[in-house]
Amino acid sequence: MSKRFNSFTEFYPFYLAEHSNLTCRRLHFAGTWLVIAVAITAIMLRKPMLLLLTPVFGYGFAWIGHFFFEHNKPATFKYPLYSLAGDWVMWKDIMAGKVKI
């Protein structure tokens, strides 16, 4: 991962290639849904401390997917902001049927 990307548009195809394993994508998708669920729960219960769980679900599920199924290093380590954006765009693309799970 030595390439430098000048835009998210340039980065996203790389991001998708790093998520070619179906189980890895499914774990990312589940983790993103759990982040949404925890955020909504924290707001509804007025318990902002619950938000501390969002990285556990978001990164925990994703990293399990990378280390055990994709067998690569998460892009988060080298491209943290693009990778975070990639998680949400891939979630949206899965919801829209553009990326298969």
C-alpha atoms as a PDB file:
ATOM      1  CA  MET A   1       0.000   0.000   0.000  1.00  0.00           C
ATOM      2  CA  SER A   2       2.644   2.553  -0.952  1.00  0.00           C
ATOM      3  CA  LYS A   3       0.475   4.423  -3.471  1.00  0.00           C
ATOM      4  CA  ARG A   4      -0.738   7.888  -2.489  1.00  0.00           C
ATOM      5  CA  PHE A   5      -4.261   8.802  -3.512  1.00  0.00           C
ATOM      6  CA  ASN A   6      -5.194  12.358  -4.451  1.00  0.00           C
ATOM      7  CA  SER A   7      -8.933  11.940  -3.925  1.00  0.00           C
ATOM      8  CA  PHE A   8     -11.494   9.582  -2.485  1.00  0.00           C
ATOM      9  CA  THR A   9     -12.693   8.870  -6.026  1.00  0.00           C
ATOM     10  CA  GLU A  10      -9.200   7.546  -6.777  1.00  0.00           C
ATOM     11  CA  PHE A  11      -9.082   5.601  -3.504  1.00  0.00           C
ATOM     12  CA  TYR A  12     -12.472   3.849  -3.611  1.00  0.00           C
ATOM     13  CA  PRO A  13     -11.621   1.249  -6.327  1.00  0.00           C
ATOM     14  CA  PHE A  14      -8.552   0.312  -4.256  1.00  0.00           C
ATOM     15  CA  TYR A  15     -10.760   0.098  -1.165  1.00  0.00           C
ATOM     16  CA  LEU A  16     -13.213  -2.239  -2.917  1.00  0.00           C
ATOM     17  CA  ALA A  17     -10.345  -4.432  -4.135  1.00  0.00           C
ATOM     18  CA  GLU A  18      -9.172  -4.742  -0.523  1.00  0.00           C
ATOM     19  CA  HIS A  19     -12.670  -6.048   0.311  1.00  0.00           C
ATOM     20  CA  SER A  20     -13.063  -8.758  -2.300  1.00  0.00           C
ATOM     21  CA  ASN A  21     -13.857 -11.491   0.243  1.00  0.00           C
ATOM     22  CA  LEU A  22     -17.595 -11.892   0.765  1.00  0.00           C
ATOM     23  CA  THR A  23     -17.308 -12.627   4.500  1.00  0.00           C
ATOM     24  CA  CYS A  24     -15.116  -9.564   5.006  1.00  0.00           C
ATOM     25  CA  ARG A  25     -17.705  -7.361   3.279  1.00  0.00           C
ATOM     26  CA  ARG A  26     -20.490  -8.927   5.336  1.00  0.00           C
ATOM     27  CA  LEU A  27     -18.609  -8.243   8.561  1.00  0.00           C
ATOM     28  CA  HIS A  28     -18.052  -4.615   7.506  1.00  0.00           C
ATOM     29  CA  PHE A  29     -21.738  -4.297   6.697  1.00  0.00           C
ATOM     30  CA  ALA A  30     -22.815  -5.794  10.041  1.00  0.00           C
ATOM     31  CA  GLY A  31     -20.345  -3.626  11.940  1.00  0.00           C
ATOM     32  CA  THR A  32     -21.643  -0.483  10.250  1.00  0.00           C
ATOM     33  CA  TRP A  33     -25.228  -1.417  11.105  1.00  0.00           C
ATOM     34  CA  LEU A  34     -24.170  -1.956  14.733  1.00  0.00           C
ATOM     35  CA  VAL A  35     -22.509   1.475  14.778  1.00  0.00           C
ATOM     36  CA  ILE A  36     -25.798   2.980  13.584  1.00  0.00           C
ATOM     37  CA  ALA A  37     -27.772   0.989  16.180  1.00  0.00           C
ATOM     38  CA  VAL A  38     -25.468   2.026  19.030  1.00  0.00           C
ATOM     39  CA  ALA A  39     -25.571   5.689  17.977  1.00  0.00           C
ATOM     40  CA  ILE A  40     -29.374   5.676  17.816  1.00  0.00           C
ATOM     41  CA  THR A  41     -29.587   3.875  21.166  1.00  0.00           C
ATOM     42  CA  ALA A  42     -27.194   6.363  22.772  1.00  0.00           C
ATOM     43  CA  ILE A  43     -29.318   9.257  21.537  1.00  0.00           C
ATOM     44  CA  MET A  44     -32.642   7.689  22.510  1.00  0.00           C
ATOM     45  CA  LEU A  45     -31.438   6.707  25.991  1.00  0.00           C
ATOM     46  CA  ARG A  46     -29.447   9.934  26.400  1.00  0.00           C
ATOM     47  CA  LYS A  47     -26.357   7.925  27.234  1.00  0.00           C
ATOM     48  CA  PRO A  48     -23.465   9.439  25.269  1.00  0.00           C
ATOM     49  CA  MET A  49     -21.002   7.030  26.899  1.00  0.00           C
ATOM     50  CA  LEU A  50     -22.497   4.286  24.711  1.00  0.00           C
ATOM     51  CA  LEU A  51     -20.856   6.033  21.756  1.00  0.00           C
ATOM     52  CA  LEU A  52     -17.544   4.676  23.054  1.00  0.00           C
ATOM     53  CA  LEU A  53     -18.723   1.292  21.728  1.00  0.00           C
ATOM     54  CA  THR A  54     -18.947   2.481  18.118  1.00  0.00           C
ATOM     55  CA  PRO A  55     -15.259   1.893  17.299  1.00  0.00           C
ATOM     56  CA  VAL A  56     -15.443  -1.548  18.927  1.00  0.00           C
ATOM     57  CA  PHE A  57     -18.218  -2.600  16.564  1.00  0.00           C
ATOM     58  CA  GLY A  58     -17.061  -0.647  13.535  1.00  0.00           C
ATOM     59  CA  TYR A  59     -13.393  -1.558  13.630  1.00  0.00           C
ATOM     60  CA  GLY A  60     -13.760  -4.860  15.480  1.00  0.00           C
ATOM     61  CA  PHE A  61     -15.930  -6.491  12.849  1.00  0.00           C
ATOM     62  CA  ALA A  62     -13.909  -4.975  10.001  1.00  0.00           C
ATOM     63  CA  TRP A  63     -10.558  -6.079  11.382  1.00  0.00           C
ATOM     64  CA  ILE A  64     -11.803  -9.631  11.976  1.00  0.00           C
ATOM     65  CA  GLY A  65     -12.815  -9.648   8.317  1.00  0.00           C
ATOM     66  CA  HIS A  66      -9.395  -8.467   7.180  1.00  0.00           C
ATOM     67  CA  PHE A  67      -7.204 -10.588   9.435  1.00  0.00           C
ATOM     68  CA  PHE A  68      -9.137 -13.865   9.225  1.00  0.00           C
ATOM     69  CA  PHE A  69     -10.905 -13.798   5.861  1.00  0.00           C
ATOM     70  CA  GLU A  70      -9.352 -11.207   3.556  1.00  0.00           C
ATOM     71  CA  HIS A  71      -5.811 -11.862   4.876  1.00  0.00           C
ATOM     72  CA  ASN A  72      -4.664  -8.294   4.385  1.00  0.00           C
ATOM     73  CA  LYS A  73      -4.000  -5.240   6.501  1.00  0.00           C
ATOM     74  CA  PRO A  74      -6.943  -2.853   6.879  1.00  0.00           C
ATOM     75  CA  ALA A  75      -6.561   0.314   4.824  1.00  0.00           C
ATOM     76  CA  THR A  76      -7.359   2.207   8.041  1.00  0.00           C
ATOM     77  CA  PHE A  77      -3.722   1.926   9.076  1.00  0.00           C
ATOM     78  CA  LYS A  78      -2.442   3.868   6.068  1.00  0.00           C
ATOM     79  CA  TYR A  79      -5.504   5.835   4.873  1.00  0.00           C
ATOM     80  CA  PRO A  80      -7.651   6.416   7.987  1.00  0.00           C
ATOM     81  CA  LEU A  81     -10.001   9.118   6.638  1.00  0.00           C
ATOM     82  CA  TYR A  82     -10.443   7.628   3.170  1.00  0.00           C
ATOM     83  CA  SER A  83     -10.959   4.216   4.763  1.00  0.00           C
ATOM     84  CA  LEU A  84     -13.637   5.534   7.118  1.00  0.00           C
ATOM     85  CA  ALA A  85     -15.389   7.186   4.182  1.00  0.00           C
ATOM     86  CA  GLY A  86     -14.979   3.934   2.216  1.00  0.00           C
ATOM     87  CA  ASP A  87     -16.779   1.988   4.950  1.00  0.00           C
ATOM     88  CA  TRP A  88     -19.810   4.257   4.676  1.00  0.00           C
ATOM     89  CA  VAL A  89     -19.804   4.414   0.881  1.00  0.00           C
ATOM     90  CA  MET A  90     -19.490   0.624   0.638  1.00  0.00           C
ATOM     91  CA  TRP A  91     -22.373   0.279   3.147  1.00  0.00           C
ATOM     92  CA  LYS A  92     -24.450   2.624   0.965  1.00  0.00           C
ATOM     93  CA  ASP A  93     -23.459   0.708  -2.179  1.00  0.00           C
ATOM     94  CA  ILE A  94     -24.421  -2.590  -0.531  1.00  0.00           C
ATOM     95  CA  MET A  95     -27.778  -1.098   0.470  1.00  0.00           C
ATOM     96  CA  ALA A  96     -28.282   0.104  -3.128  1.00  0.00           C
ATOM     97  CA  GLY A  97     -27.333  -3.302  -4.562  1.00  0.00           C
ATOM     98  CA  LYS A  98     -24.173  -2.005  -6.266  1.00  0.00           C
ATOM     99  CA  VAL A  99     -21.874  -4.168  -4.109  1.00  0.00           C
ATOM    100  CA  LYS A 100     -22.922  -7.732  -3.388  1.00  0.00           C
ATOM    101  CA  ILE A 101     -22.975  -9.440  -0.025  1.00  0.00           C
END
